[in-house]
Amino acid sequence: MSAIDWDQPATMIDLDGKAPLIGTIRQCAQHFAIFKAEAKAQARVLLTQPVHREGRRTRTWLLEPDEIAQLAEKLRAES
């Protein structure tokens, strides 16, 4: 996954239909970090700018739970 600007607007959604979190990538990663395991498995982040993923020909607008977890870990390491 290519680098994503922490201040990029994004929306965190879940597959259970809870209200979305509209904010920045940083805020989405912070909230994801405090979720329980079952909530993490349901979380997705919708980006405002698509990113390139290695092994894919097209860019994507959606981050999966493992990618959000990587962002949360990166944010924790930077703090």
Protein backbone atom coordinates (compact mmCIF):
# COMPACT_ATOMS: atom_id res chain seq x y z
CA MET A 1 0.00 0.00 0.00
CA SER A 2 1.37 3.40 -0.90
CA ALA A 3 1.75 6.12 1.73
CA ILE A 4 -1.44 7.86 2.83
CA ASP A 5 -1.43 11.41 4.19
CA TRP A 6 -2.64 11.41 7.82
CA ASP A 7 -4.79 14.48 7.12
CA GLN A 8 -6.59 12.97 4.12
CA PRO A 9 -10.37 13.00 4.66
CA ALA A 10 -11.79 9.50 5.09
CA THR A 11 -14.84 7.66 6.37
CA MET A 12 -14.69 4.61 8.61
CA ILE A 13 -17.60 2.26 8.09
CA ASP A 14 -18.46 -1.15 9.47
CA LEU A 15 -20.39 -4.03 8.01
CA ASP A 16 -22.83 -4.10 10.96
CA GLY A 17 -24.41 -0.80 9.91
CA LYS A 18 -23.29 1.42 12.80
CA ALA A 19 -22.98 5.16 12.13
CA PRO A 20 -19.82 5.98 10.13
CA LEU A 21 -16.92 8.04 11.47
CA ILE A 22 -16.20 10.92 9.12
CA GLY A 23 -12.80 12.47 9.75
CA THR A 24 -9.19 11.99 8.71
CA ILE A 25 -7.06 8.89 8.23
CA ARG A 26 -5.41 9.73 11.59
CA GLN A 27 -8.78 9.79 13.38
CA CYS A 28 -9.88 6.56 11.72
CA ALA A 29 -6.64 4.83 12.78
CA GLN A 30 -7.00 6.15 16.34
CA HIS A 31 -10.56 4.86 16.63
CA PHE A 32 -9.66 1.52 15.04
CA ALA A 33 -6.92 1.02 17.64
CA ILE A 34 -9.47 1.05 20.49
CA PHE A 35 -11.99 -1.27 18.82
CA LYS A 36 -12.55 -4.80 20.09
CA ALA A 37 -11.48 -7.65 17.79
CA GLU A 38 -14.96 -8.27 16.40
CA ALA A 39 -15.43 -4.57 15.57
CA LYS A 40 -12.00 -4.46 13.92
CA ALA A 41 -12.96 -7.36 11.67
CA GLN A 42 -16.01 -5.41 10.45
CA ALA A 43 -14.25 -2.05 9.92
CA ARG A 44 -13.43 -0.55 6.53
CA VAL A 45 -12.09 2.88 5.58
CA LEU A 46 -13.38 4.67 2.52
CA LEU A 47 -10.74 7.02 1.12
CA THR A 48 -11.17 10.31 -0.73
CA GLN A 49 -8.07 9.56 -2.83
CA PRO A 50 -7.43 6.01 -4.03
CA VAL A 51 -4.15 4.26 -3.21
CA HIS A 52 -2.05 1.77 -5.12
CA ARG A 53 -1.74 -1.75 -3.74
CA GLU A 54 1.10 -3.99 -4.76
CA GLY A 55 -0.04 -6.78 -7.02
CA ARG A 56 -3.12 -4.93 -8.27
CA ARG A 57 -3.46 -3.14 -11.57
CA THR A 58 -5.86 -0.49 -10.30
CA ARG A 59 -5.92 1.78 -7.28
CA THR A 60 -8.47 1.21 -4.54
CA TRP A 61 -10.80 3.43 -2.52
CA LEU A 62 -11.29 0.99 0.36
CA LEU A 63 -8.94 -0.16 3.11
CA GLU A 64 -9.45 -3.58 4.69
CA PRO A 65 -9.01 -4.31 8.43
CA ASP A 66 -5.40 -5.53 8.09
CA GLU A 67 -4.45 -2.32 6.27
CA ILE A 68 -6.18 -0.15 8.89
CA ALA A 69 -4.31 -2.11 11.57
CA GLN A 70 -1.01 -1.28 9.82
CA LEU A 71 -1.93 2.41 9.89
CA ALA A 72 -2.89 2.22 13.58
CA GLU A 73 0.45 0.55 14.38
CA LYS A 74 2.36 3.14 12.36
CA LEU A 75 0.53 5.93 14.20
CA ARG A 76 1.33 4.32 17.56
CA ALA A 77 5.00 4.01 16.61
CA GLU A 78 5.17 7.67 15.59
CA SER A 79 3.70 8.82 18.92
